[in-house]
Amino acid sequence: MTWGGDTPLTTLGIDQAIAAGIKAAAKQFMPDIILVSPLQRAQKTAQLVAEGIGYPPDKIVTDAGLHERDMGKVTGTPFGDSGPGSSNYHLMDDIDTVESYADLQVRAKAYYEEINKRPEDTILLVGHAAFGRALKRVLTNRPYTDEYELEYAPIPNAEIFKLI
């Protein structure tokens, strides 16, 4: 595993996205719009979920605001001993080219304010882990420093759930 970058969706990710689409279809979930990060793994996830629920794939909207945390000069390098879940994860904030969690949360808050202006009632966001956690913290009024707590609830891959 590496930091950031535009990596393809794994076989496991494909299976998870298909399962999410099947689960959403069983609950008769149909968003008014699907917004997706420009990264290929999110694009593929959105496509598979859309197929599962019968959402027209040509109506999926790529939204650069959903891009993952910018990992700067460490993009594409192996996790090593500072990957997600490690006690050293917070040290990535100390690298000058890496988007800090404080900045990520500011970006998530601005994104939330923008999507809140949209006319659609039900919006499916397909994005990435760190940005999703930041958005979740914004919506629950939690500080960005909660990212450093290993107990902080992660967002499972390819899970569809209601944020608000």
Protein backbone atom coordinates (compact mmCIF):
# COMPACT_ATOMS: atom_id res chain seq x y z
CA MET A 1 0.00 0.00 0.00
CA THR A 2 1.16 3.50 -0.80
CA TRP A 3 0.24 7.05 0.18
CA GLY A 4 -2.24 8.80 -2.10
CA GLY A 5 -2.04 8.71 -5.84
CA ASP A 6 -4.53 7.62 -8.45
CA THR A 7 -4.47 3.89 -7.86
CA PRO A 8 -7.02 1.55 -9.42
CA LEU A 9 -9.74 -0.13 -7.39
CA THR A 10 -8.59 -3.49 -6.06
CA THR A 11 -10.44 -6.77 -6.60
CA LEU A 12 -11.64 -6.53 -3.00
CA GLY A 13 -12.80 -2.95 -3.66
CA ILE A 14 -14.73 -4.09 -6.73
CA ASP A 15 -16.45 -6.79 -4.67
CA GLN A 16 -17.26 -4.26 -1.92
CA ALA A 17 -18.71 -1.76 -4.41
CA ILE A 18 -20.88 -4.43 -6.05
CA ALA A 19 -22.11 -5.54 -2.62
CA ALA A 20 -22.87 -1.93 -1.66
CA GLY A 21 -24.94 -1.51 -4.82
CA ILE A 22 -26.87 -4.72 -4.14
CA LYS A 23 -27.48 -3.70 -0.51
CA ALA A 24 -28.62 -0.21 -1.55
CA ALA A 25 -30.94 -1.63 -4.21
CA ALA A 26 -32.50 -3.97 -1.64
CA LYS A 27 -33.28 -0.89 0.48
CA GLN A 28 -34.63 0.87 -2.63
CA PHE A 29 -32.05 3.62 -2.23
CA MET A 30 -31.94 6.00 -5.18
CA PRO A 31 -30.01 9.27 -4.88
CA ASP A 32 -30.98 12.35 -6.80
CA ILE A 33 -27.34 12.72 -7.80
CA ILE A 34 -24.05 10.88 -7.39
CA LEU A 35 -20.98 13.07 -6.89
CA VAL A 36 -17.63 11.33 -7.21
CA SER A 37 -13.95 12.12 -6.74
CA PRO A 38 -11.91 12.30 -9.93
CA LEU A 39 -9.63 9.46 -8.77
CA GLN A 40 -10.14 6.23 -10.71
CA ARG A 41 -10.88 3.99 -7.72
CA ALA A 42 -13.75 6.28 -6.67
CA GLN A 43 -14.95 6.53 -10.27
CA LYS A 44 -15.11 2.73 -10.53
CA THR A 45 -16.88 2.47 -7.16
CA ALA A 46 -19.50 5.02 -8.25
CA GLN A 47 -20.02 3.19 -11.54
CA LEU A 48 -20.53 -0.18 -9.81
CA VAL A 49 -22.90 1.22 -7.19
CA ALA A 50 -24.86 3.07 -9.88
CA GLU A 51 -25.21 -0.17 -11.85
CA GLY A 52 -26.42 -1.95 -8.73
CA ILE A 53 -29.17 0.56 -8.00
CA GLY A 54 -30.12 1.31 -11.60
CA TYR A 55 -28.82 4.88 -11.55
CA PRO A 56 -27.91 6.17 -15.04
CA PRO A 57 -24.08 6.15 -15.23
CA ASP A 58 -24.07 9.17 -17.55
CA LYS A 59 -25.64 11.21 -14.73
CA ILE A 60 -22.70 10.61 -12.33
CA VAL A 61 -20.93 13.93 -11.73
CA THR A 62 -17.19 14.15 -11.14
CA ASP A 63 -16.51 16.60 -8.32
CA ALA A 64 -12.91 17.63 -7.62
CA GLY A 65 -13.98 18.76 -4.15
CA LEU A 66 -14.09 15.11 -3.09
CA HIS A 67 -10.42 14.44 -3.77
CA GLU A 68 -8.46 12.63 -1.09
CA ARG A 69 -5.99 14.23 1.30
CA ASP A 70 -3.07 15.67 -0.66
CA MET A 71 -0.04 13.64 0.39
CA GLY A 72 2.43 15.95 -1.36
CA LYS A 73 5.92 14.56 -1.86
CA VAL A 74 5.09 11.25 -0.17
CA THR A 75 2.44 10.38 -2.77
CA GLY A 76 3.14 6.91 -4.13
CA THR A 77 5.59 5.93 -1.38
CA PRO A 78 4.94 2.84 0.79
CA PHE A 79 3.12 3.23 4.11
CA GLY A 80 5.98 1.78 6.14
CA ASP A 81 5.34 2.15 9.86
CA SER A 82 3.26 5.33 9.58
CA GLY A 83 0.23 4.03 7.70
CA PRO A 84 -3.39 4.46 8.76
CA GLY A 85 -4.00 2.99 12.19
CA SER A 86 -0.38 3.26 13.30
CA SER A 87 0.65 5.37 16.25
CA ASN A 88 2.89 7.39 13.87
CA TYR A 89 0.08 8.34 11.48
CA HIS A 90 -0.15 11.88 12.85
CA LEU A 91 3.49 12.49 11.91
CA MET A 92 2.45 12.94 8.28
CA ASP A 93 1.17 16.39 9.34
CA ASP A 94 4.79 17.39 9.93
CA ILE A 95 5.74 17.02 6.25
CA ASP A 96 5.50 20.47 4.66
CA THR A 97 3.95 19.30 1.37
CA VAL A 98 1.31 17.06 2.98
CA GLU A 99 -2.15 18.55 3.54
CA SER A 100 -2.51 18.76 7.31
CA TYR A 101 -5.56 17.35 9.05
CA ALA A 102 -6.44 20.87 10.16
CA ASP A 103 -6.41 22.04 6.51
CA LEU A 104 -8.27 18.92 5.40
CA GLN A 105 -11.02 19.64 7.90
CA VAL A 106 -11.26 23.26 6.72
CA ARG A 107 -11.61 21.95 3.16
CA ALA A 108 -14.26 19.42 4.26
CA LYS A 109 -16.23 22.17 5.99
CA ALA A 110 -16.12 24.36 2.87
CA TYR A 111 -17.19 21.38 0.75
CA TYR A 112 -20.11 20.66 3.08
CA GLU A 113 -21.22 24.28 2.83
CA GLU A 114 -21.11 24.04 -0.97
CA ILE A 115 -23.04 20.79 -1.31
CA ASN A 116 -25.58 22.10 1.18
CA LYS A 117 -26.48 24.73 -1.44
CA ARG A 118 -27.27 22.07 -4.04
CA PRO A 119 -30.92 21.62 -5.04
CA GLU A 120 -30.95 17.83 -4.70
CA ASP A 121 -32.40 16.22 -1.57
CA THR A 122 -30.43 12.95 -1.63
CA ILE A 123 -26.78 13.14 -2.64
CA LEU A 124 -24.49 10.12 -2.76
CA LEU A 125 -20.86 11.12 -2.25
CA VAL A 126 -18.19 8.70 -3.45
CA GLY A 127 -14.81 9.74 -2.17
CA HIS A 128 -11.95 8.66 0.05
CA ALA A 129 -11.13 7.73 3.62
CA ALA A 130 -9.36 10.77 5.09
CA PHE A 131 -11.69 13.27 3.42
CA GLY A 132 -14.71 11.22 4.47
CA ARG A 133 -13.55 11.17 8.09
CA ALA A 134 -12.96 14.94 7.96
CA LEU A 135 -16.45 15.48 6.58
CA LYS A 136 -17.88 13.22 9.28
CA ARG A 137 -16.07 15.29 11.94
CA VAL A 138 -17.46 18.51 10.45
CA LEU A 139 -20.99 17.11 10.60
CA THR A 140 -20.58 15.93 14.20
CA ASN A 141 -18.74 19.06 15.38
CA ARG A 142 -15.64 17.13 16.35
CA PRO A 143 -12.14 18.62 16.15
CA TYR A 144 -9.63 17.59 13.50
CA THR A 145 -7.45 16.19 16.31
CA ASP A 146 -9.91 13.30 16.63
CA GLU A 147 -8.15 11.94 13.52
CA TYR A 148 -5.20 11.08 15.75
CA GLU A 149 -7.34 8.94 18.06
CA LEU A 150 -7.03 5.32 17.00
CA GLU A 151 -10.50 4.69 18.43
CA TYR A 152 -12.06 7.24 16.07
CA ALA A 153 -14.60 5.33 14.01
CA PRO A 154 -13.33 4.77 10.48
CA ILE A 155 -15.66 4.79 7.52
CA PRO A 156 -15.69 1.30 5.99
CA ASN A 157 -14.91 1.01 2.28
CA ALA A 158 -17.93 1.01 -0.03
CA GLU A 159 -20.45 1.53 2.77
CA ILE A 160 -23.50 3.63 2.08
CA PHE A 161 -24.79 5.42 5.13
CA LYS A 162 -26.64 8.58 5.96
CA LEU A 163 -24.47 11.44 7.18
CA ILE A 164 -27.29 13.92 7.70
